[in-house]
Each structure stands twice: as structure tokens, then as C-alpha cells.
PDB file of all heavy atoms in Angstrom:
ATOM      1  N   ASP A   1       0.809  -1.225   0.000  1.00  0.00           N
ATOM      2  CA  ASP A   1       0.000   0.000   0.000  1.00  0.00           C
ATOM      3  C   ASP A   1       0.840   1.273   0.000  1.00  0.00           C
ATOM      4  O   ASP A   1       0.610   2.200   0.781  1.00  0.00           O
ATOM      5  CB  ASP A   1      -0.963   0.022   1.196  1.00  0.00           C
ATOM      6  CG  ASP A   1      -1.978  -1.112   1.139  1.00  0.00           C
ATOM      7  OD1 ASP A   1      -2.241  -1.601   0.021  1.00  0.00           O
ATOM      8  OD2 ASP A   1      -2.488  -1.504   2.195  1.00  0.00           O
ATOM      9  N   LEU A   2       1.833   1.317  -0.898  1.00  0.00           N
ATOM     10  CA  LEU A   2       2.533   2.577  -1.103  1.00  0.00           C
ATOM     11  C   LEU A   2       1.544   3.607  -1.646  1.00  0.00           C
ATOM     12  O   LEU A   2       0.752   3.309  -2.549  1.00  0.00           O
ATOM     13  CB  LEU A   2       3.680   2.404  -2.097  1.00  0.00           C
ATOM     14  CG  LEU A   2       5.028   1.936  -1.546  1.00  0.00           C
ATOM     15  CD1 LEU A   2       5.909   1.454  -2.689  1.00  0.00           C
ATOM     16  CD2 LEU A   2       5.708   3.055  -0.798  1.00  0.00           C
ATOM     17  N   THR A   3       1.567   4.805  -1.105  1.00  0.00           N
ATOM     18  CA  THR A   3       0.638   5.847  -1.542  1.00  0.00           C
ATOM     19  C   THR A   3       1.190   6.571  -2.761  1.00  0.00           C
ATOM     20  O   THR A   3       2.251   7.211  -2.677  1.00  0.00           O
ATOM     21  CB  THR A   3       0.397   6.859  -0.405  1.00  0.00           C
ATOM     22  OG1 THR A   3      -0.141   6.158   0.730  1.00  0.00           O
ATOM     23  CG2 THR A   3      -0.578   7.942  -0.834  1.00  0.00           C
ATOM     24  N   VAL A   4       0.501   6.453  -3.888  1.00  0.00           N
ATOM     25  CA  VAL A   4       0.947   7.050  -5.150  1.00  0.00           C
ATOM     26  C   VAL A   4       0.001   8.206  -5.510  1.00  0.00           C
ATOM     27  O   VAL A   4      -1.198   8.004  -5.657  1.00  0.00           O
ATOM     28  CB  VAL A   4       0.938   6.010  -6.291  1.00  0.00           C
ATOM     29  CG1 VAL A   4       1.498   6.629  -7.575  1.00  0.00           C
ATOM     30  CG2 VAL A   4       1.735   4.765  -5.896  1.00  0.00           C
ATOM     31  N   PRO A   5       0.527   9.433  -5.641  1.00  0.00           N
ATOM     32  CA  PRO A   5      -0.344  10.564  -5.992  1.00  0.00           C
ATOM     33  C   PRO A   5      -0.733  10.524  -7.473  1.00  0.00           C
ATOM     34  O   PRO A   5      -0.056   9.895  -8.285  1.00  0.00           O
ATOM     35  CB  PRO A   5       0.543  11.772  -5.687  1.00  0.00           C
ATOM     36  CG  PRO A   5       1.933  11.273  -5.903  1.00  0.00           C
ATOM     37  CD  PRO A   5       1.925   9.838  -5.457  1.00  0.00           C
ATOM     38  N   ARG A   6      -1.824  11.198  -7.820  1.00  0.00           N
ATOM     39  CA  ARG A   6      -2.240  11.254  -9.215  1.00  0.00           C
ATOM     40  C   ARG A   6      -2.800  12.655  -9.516  1.00  0.00           C
ATOM     41  O   ARG A   6      -3.141  13.411  -8.603  1.00  0.00           O
ATOM     42  CB  ARG A   6      -3.289  10.195  -9.514  1.00  0.00           C
ATOM     43  CG  ARG A   6      -4.546  10.299  -8.674  1.00  0.00           C
ATOM     44  CD  ARG A   6      -5.424   9.088  -8.878  1.00  0.00           C
ATOM     45  NE  ARG A   6      -6.598   9.136  -8.011  1.00  0.00           N
ATOM     46  CZ  ARG A   6      -7.407   8.119  -7.795  1.00  0.00           C
ATOM     47  NH1 ARG A   6      -7.167   6.954  -8.391  1.00  0.00           N
ATOM     48  NH2 ARG A   6      -8.450   8.228  -7.004  1.00  0.00           N
ATOM     49  N   ASP A   7      -2.863  12.963 -10.809  1.00  0.00           N
ATOM     50  CA  ASP A   7      -3.417  14.261 -11.216  1.00  0.00           C
ATOM     51  C   ASP A   7      -4.822  14.069 -11.775  1.00  0.00           C
ATOM     52  O   ASP A   7      -5.251  12.950 -12.072  1.00  0.00           O
ATOM     53  CB  ASP A   7      -2.516  14.924 -12.253  1.00  0.00           C
ATOM     54  CG  ASP A   7      -2.536  14.170 -13.577  1.00  0.00           C
ATOM     55  OD1 ASP A   7      -2.442  12.910 -13.561  1.00  0.00           O
ATOM     56  OD2 ASP A   7      -2.665  14.811 -14.628  1.00  0.00           O
ATOM     57  N   ARG A   8      -5.539  15.151 -11.913  1.00  0.00           N
ATOM     58  CA  ARG A   8      -6.947  15.111 -12.315  1.00  0.00           C
ATOM     59  C   ARG A   8      -7.133  14.545 -13.719  1.00  0.00           C
ATOM     60  O   ARG A   8      -8.106  13.839 -14.006  1.00  0.00           O
ATOM     61  CB  ARG A   8      -7.550  16.523 -12.234  1.00  0.00           C
ATOM     62  CG  ARG A   8      -9.051  16.568 -12.445  1.00  0.00           C
ATOM     63  CD  ARG A   8      -9.575  17.966 -12.201  1.00  0.00           C
ATOM     64  NE  ARG A   8      -9.384  18.375 -10.805  1.00  0.00           N
ATOM     65  CZ  ARG A   8      -9.707  19.584 -10.339  1.00  0.00           C
ATOM     66  NH1 ARG A   8     -10.183  20.503 -11.147  1.00  0.00           N
ATOM     67  NH2 ARG A   8      -9.502  19.865  -9.062  1.00  0.00           N
ATOM     68  N   GLU A   9      -6.194  14.833 -14.609  1.00  0.00           N
ATOM     69  CA  GLU A   9      -6.340  14.391 -16.000  1.00  0.00           C
ATOM     70  C   GLU A   9      -5.777  12.990 -16.243  1.00  0.00           C
ATOM     71  O   GLU A   9      -5.894  12.461 -17.345  1.00  0.00           O
ATOM     72  CB  GLU A   9      -5.632  15.393 -16.936  1.00  0.00           C
ATOM     73  CG  GLU A   9      -6.149  16.817 -16.823  1.00  0.00           C
ATOM     74  CD  GLU A   9      -7.626  16.895 -17.162  1.00  0.00           C
ATOM     75  OE1 GLU A   9      -8.063  16.158 -18.072  1.00  0.00           O
ATOM     76  OE2 GLU A   9      -8.345  17.684 -16.521  1.00  0.00           O
ATOM     77  N   GLY A  10      -5.135  12.420 -15.247  1.00  0.00           N
ATOM     78  CA  GLY A  10      -4.586  11.072 -15.401  1.00  0.00           C
ATOM     79  C   GLY A  10      -3.365  11.003 -16.299  1.00  0.00           C
ATOM     80  O   GLY A  10      -3.051   9.950 -16.849  1.00  0.00           O
ATOM     81  N   GLU A  11      -2.650  12.113 -16.429  1.00  0.00           N
ATOM     82  CA  GLU A  11      -1.485  12.143 -17.325  1.00  0.00           C
ATOM     83  C   GLU A  11      -0.162  11.937 -16.577  1.00  0.00           C
ATOM     84  O   GLU A  11       0.868  11.706 -17.202  1.00  0.00           O
ATOM     85  CB  GLU A  11      -1.443  13.485 -18.063  1.00  0.00           C
ATOM     86  CG  GLU A  11      -2.634  13.686 -18.988  1.00  0.00           C
ATOM     87  CD  GLU A  11      -2.606  15.040 -19.670  1.00  0.00           C
ATOM     88  OE1 GLU A  11      -1.709  15.858 -19.309  1.00  0.00           O
ATOM     89  OE2 GLU A  11      -3.433  15.274 -20.550  1.00  0.00           O
ATOM     90  N   PHE A  12      -0.199  12.033 -15.243  1.00  0.00           N
ATOM     91  CA  PHE A  12       1.040  11.888 -14.468  1.00  0.00           C
ATOM     92  C   PHE A  12       1.381  10.416 -14.279  1.00  0.00           C
ATOM     93  O   PHE A  12       0.543   9.609 -13.884  1.00  0.00           O
ATOM     94  CB  PHE A  12       0.876  12.561 -13.102  1.00  0.00           C
ATOM     95  CG  PHE A  12       1.994  12.232 -12.134  1.00  0.00           C
ATOM     96  CD1 PHE A  12       3.261  12.741 -12.322  1.00  0.00           C
ATOM     97  CD2 PHE A  12       1.760  11.396 -11.035  1.00  0.00           C
ATOM     98  CE1 PHE A  12       4.285  12.433 -11.431  1.00  0.00           C
ATOM     99  CE2 PHE A  12       2.771  11.090 -10.150  1.00  0.00           C
ATOM    100  CZ  PHE A  12       4.041  11.612 -10.339  1.00  0.00           C
ATOM    101  N   HIS A  13       2.631  10.062 -14.570  1.00  0.00           N
ATOM    102  CA  HIS A  13       3.117   8.692 -14.366  1.00  0.00           C
ATOM    103  C   HIS A  13       4.465   8.773 -13.643  1.00  0.00           C
ATOM    104  O   HIS A  13       5.434   9.306 -14.185  1.00  0.00           O
ATOM    105  CB  HIS A  13       3.274   7.957 -15.692  1.00  0.00           C
ATOM    106  CG  HIS A  13       1.990   7.825 -16.448  1.00  0.00           C
ATOM    107  ND1 HIS A  13       0.985   6.962 -16.078  1.00  0.00           N
ATOM    108  CD2 HIS A  13       1.543   8.491 -17.550  1.00  0.00           C
ATOM    109  CE1 HIS A  13      -0.032   7.081 -16.916  1.00  0.00           C
ATOM    110  NE2 HIS A  13       0.276   8.006 -17.819  1.00  0.00           N
ATOM    111  N   THR A  14       4.519   8.244 -12.434  1.00  0.00           N
ATOM    112  CA  THR A  14       5.750   8.321 -11.652  1.00  0.00           C
ATOM    113  C   THR A  14       6.857   7.463 -12.253  1.00  0.00           C
ATOM    114  O   THR A  14       6.594   6.397 -12.831  1.00  0.00           O
ATOM    115  CB  THR A  14       5.506   7.874 -10.196  1.00  0.00           C
ATOM    116  OG1 THR A  14       6.746   7.932  -9.487  1.00  0.00           O
ATOM    117  CG2 THR A  14       4.966   6.448 -10.122  1.00  0.00           C
ATOM    118  N   GLN A  15       8.072   7.935 -12.107  1.00  0.00           N
ATOM    119  CA  GLN A  15       9.248   7.177 -12.539  1.00  0.00           C
ATOM    120  C   GLN A  15       9.960   6.511 -11.349  1.00  0.00           C
ATOM    121  O   GLN A  15      10.959   5.847 -11.528  1.00  0.00           O
ATOM    122  CB  GLN A  15      10.238   8.119 -13.245  1.00  0.00           C
ATOM    123  CG  GLN A  15       9.673   8.812 -14.475  1.00  0.00           C
ATOM    124  CD  GLN A  15       9.259   7.810 -15.528  1.00  0.00           C
ATOM    125  OE1 GLN A  15      10.042   6.937 -15.903  1.00  0.00           O
ATOM    126  NE2 GLN A  15       8.025   7.932 -16.006  1.00  0.00           N
ATOM    127  N   ALA A  16       9.406   6.716 -10.152  1.00  0.00           N
ATOM    128  CA  ALA A  16      10.088   6.243  -8.947  1.00  0.00           C
ATOM    129  C   ALA A  16      10.250   4.725  -8.916  1.00  0.00           C
ATOM    130  O   ALA A  16      11.294   4.210  -8.496  1.00  0.00           O
ATOM    131  CB  ALA A  16       9.343   6.709  -7.698  1.00  0.00           C
ATOM    132  N   PHE A  17       9.216   3.997  -9.355  1.00  0.00           N
ATOM    133  CA  PHE A  17       9.299   2.536  -9.306  1.00  0.00           C
ATOM    134  C   PHE A  17      10.369   2.016 -10.256  1.00  0.00           C
ATOM    135  O   PHE A  17      11.119   1.095  -9.931  1.00  0.00           O
ATOM    136  CB  PHE A  17       7.940   1.914  -9.632  1.00  0.00           C
ATOM    137  CG  PHE A  17       6.904   2.160  -8.573  1.00  0.00           C
ATOM    138  CD1 PHE A  17       5.941   3.137  -8.752  1.00  0.00           C
ATOM    139  CD2 PHE A  17       6.915   1.443  -7.389  1.00  0.00           C
ATOM    140  CE1 PHE A  17       4.989   3.380  -7.782  1.00  0.00           C
ATOM    141  CE2 PHE A  17       5.968   1.676  -6.411  1.00  0.00           C
ATOM    142  CZ  PHE A  17       5.009   2.655  -6.598  1.00  0.00           C
ATOM    143  N   GLU A  18      10.416   2.612 -11.450  1.00  0.00           N
ATOM    144  CA  GLU A  18      11.420   2.187 -12.420  1.00  0.00           C
ATOM    145  C   GLU A  18      12.825   2.483 -11.912  1.00  0.00           C
ATOM    146  O   GLU A  18      13.719   1.645 -12.011  1.00  0.00           O
ATOM    147  CB  GLU A  18      11.205   2.908 -13.747  1.00  0.00           C
ATOM    148  CG  GLU A  18      12.212   2.524 -14.822  1.00  0.00           C
ATOM    149  CD  GLU A  18      12.006   3.309 -16.107  1.00  0.00           C
ATOM    150  OE1 GLU A  18      10.919   3.905 -16.265  1.00  0.00           O
ATOM    151  OE2 GLU A  18      12.925   3.320 -16.940  1.00  0.00           O
ATOM    152  N   ARG A  19      13.015   3.676 -11.338  1.00  0.00           N
ATOM    153  CA  ARG A  19      14.334   4.024 -10.820  1.00  0.00           C
ATOM    154  C   ARG A  19      14.707   3.138  -9.645  1.00  0.00           C
ATOM    155  O   ARG A  19      15.853   2.701  -9.502  1.00  0.00           O
ATOM    156  CB  ARG A  19      14.365   5.505 -10.406  1.00  0.00           C
ATOM    157  CG  ARG A  19      14.425   6.464 -11.584  1.00  0.00           C
ATOM    158  CD  ARG A  19      14.811   7.859 -11.115  1.00  0.00           C
ATOM    159  NE  ARG A  19      13.786   8.462 -10.269  1.00  0.00           N
ATOM    160  CZ  ARG A  19      12.837   9.282 -10.701  1.00  0.00           C
ATOM    161  NH1 ARG A  19      12.777   9.594 -11.986  1.00  0.00           N
ATOM    162  NH2 ARG A  19      11.953   9.790  -9.872  1.00  0.00           N
ATOM    163  N   TYR A  20      13.740   2.860  -8.762  1.00  0.00           N
ATOM    164  CA  TYR A  20      14.031   1.994  -7.625  1.00  0.00           C
ATOM    165  C   TYR A  20      14.462   0.600  -8.095  1.00  0.00           C
ATOM    166  O   TYR A  20      15.430   0.030  -7.608  1.00  0.00           O
ATOM    167  CB  TYR A  20      12.824   1.872  -6.698  1.00  0.00           C
ATOM    168  CG  TYR A  20      13.122   0.974  -5.512  1.00  0.00           C
ATOM    169  CD1 TYR A  20      13.733   1.491  -4.376  1.00  0.00           C
ATOM    170  CD2 TYR A  20      12.859  -0.392  -5.554  1.00  0.00           C
ATOM    171  CE1 TYR A  20      14.063   0.675  -3.314  1.00  0.00           C
ATOM    172  CE2 TYR A  20      13.190  -1.215  -4.493  1.00  0.00           C
ATOM    173  CZ  TYR A  20      13.782  -0.673  -3.379  1.00  0.00           C
ATOM    174  OH  TYR A  20      14.124  -1.497  -2.328  1.00  0.00           O
ATOM    175  N   SER A  21      13.720   0.046  -9.060  1.00  0.00           N
ATOM    176  CA  SER A  21      14.051  -1.287  -9.568  1.00  0.00           C
ATOM    177  C   SER A  21      15.446  -1.315 -10.172  1.00  0.00           C
ATOM    178  O   SER A  21      16.171  -2.305 -10.049  1.00  0.00           O
ATOM    179  CB  SER A  21      13.019  -1.718 -10.611  1.00  0.00           C
ATOM    180  OG  SER A  21      11.747  -1.850 -10.038  1.00  0.00           O
ATOM    181  N   ARG A  22      15.835  -0.216 -10.777  1.00  0.00           N
ATOM    182  CA  ARG A  22      17.150  -0.149 -11.419  1.00  0.00           C
ATOM    183  C   ARG A  22      18.272  -0.114 -10.387  1.00  0.00           C
ATOM    184  O   ARG A  22      19.341  -0.673 -10.592  1.00  0.00           O
ATOM    185  CB  ARG A  22      17.210   1.098 -12.310  1.00  0.00           C
ATOM    186  CG  ARG A  22      18.455   1.157 -13.214  1.00  0.00           C
ATOM    187  CD  ARG A  22      18.448   2.455 -14.012  1.00  0.00           C
ATOM    188  NE  ARG A  22      17.161   2.660 -14.659  1.00  0.00           N
ATOM    189  CZ  ARG A  22      16.662   3.849 -14.960  1.00  0.00           C
ATOM    190  NH1 ARG A  22      17.333   4.956 -14.653  1.00  0.00           N
ATOM    191  NH2 ARG A  22      15.495   3.963 -15.550  1.00  0.00           N
ATOM    192  N   TYR A  23      18.024   0.563  -9.265  1.00  0.00           N
ATOM    193  CA  TYR A  23      19.091   0.794  -8.294  1.00  0.00           C
ATOM    194  C   TYR A  23      18.871   0.078  -6.959  1.00  0.00           C
ATOM    195  O   TYR A  23      19.540   0.382  -5.982  1.00  0.00           O
ATOM    196  CB  TYR A  23      19.222   2.290  -8.017  1.00  0.00           C
ATOM    197  CG  TYR A  23      19.662   3.100  -9.205  1.00  0.00           C
ATOM    198  CD1 TYR A  23      18.804   4.017  -9.796  1.00  0.00           C
ATOM    199  CD2 TYR A  23      20.939   2.951  -9.735  1.00  0.00           C
ATOM    200  CE1 TYR A  23      19.202   4.774 -10.889  1.00  0.00           C
ATOM    201  CE2 TYR A  23      21.351   3.698 -10.820  1.00  0.00           C
ATOM    202  CZ  TYR A  23      20.482   4.610 -11.395  1.00  0.00           C
ATOM    203  OH  TYR A  23      20.885   5.351 -12.477  1.00  0.00           O
ATOM    204  N   GLU A  24      17.947  -0.870  -6.904  1.00  0.00           N
ATOM    205  CA  GLU A  24      17.598  -1.446  -5.611  1.00  0.00           C
ATOM    206  C   GLU A  24      18.784  -1.952  -4.798  1.00  0.00           C
ATOM    207  O   GLU A  24      18.880  -1.662  -3.605  1.00  0.00           O
ATOM    208  CB  GLU A  24      16.579  -2.571  -5.747  1.00  0.00           C
ATOM    209  CG  GLU A  24      16.070  -2.993  -4.379  1.00  0.00           C
ATOM    210  CD  GLU A  24      15.440  -4.372  -4.371  1.00  0.00           C
ATOM    211  OE1 GLU A  24      15.581  -5.096  -5.361  1.00  0.00           O
ATOM    212  OE2 GLU A  24      14.820  -4.726  -3.365  1.00  0.00           O
ATOM    213  N   PRO A  25      19.734  -2.723  -5.376  1.00  0.00           N
ATOM    214  CA  PRO A  25      20.855  -3.191  -4.548  1.00  0.00           C
ATOM    215  C   PRO A  25      21.610  -2.047  -3.887  1.00  0.00           C
ATOM    216  O   PRO A  25      21.962  -2.120  -2.711  1.00  0.00           O
ATOM    217  CB  PRO A  25      21.736  -3.948  -5.553  1.00  0.00           C
ATOM    218  CG  PRO A  25      20.790  -4.377  -6.627  1.00  0.00           C
ATOM    219  CD  PRO A  25      19.798  -3.248  -6.760  1.00  0.00           C
TER     220      PRO A  25
END
């Protein structure tokens, strides 16, 4: 249940998950 913010138009897409997966170690 990570809290992910969103915008009214649904155009915002976070890059945090992709960056985390890339640098997790």
C-alpha cells in the first residue's frame, strides 16, 4: 500500500518505481 499521488487528468506517471528497480541493490 505505497501511496501514489495522481493528477486530475490522469497524465502523471511516476518514474520512482522504475528508478528503484534499477538501483535497488
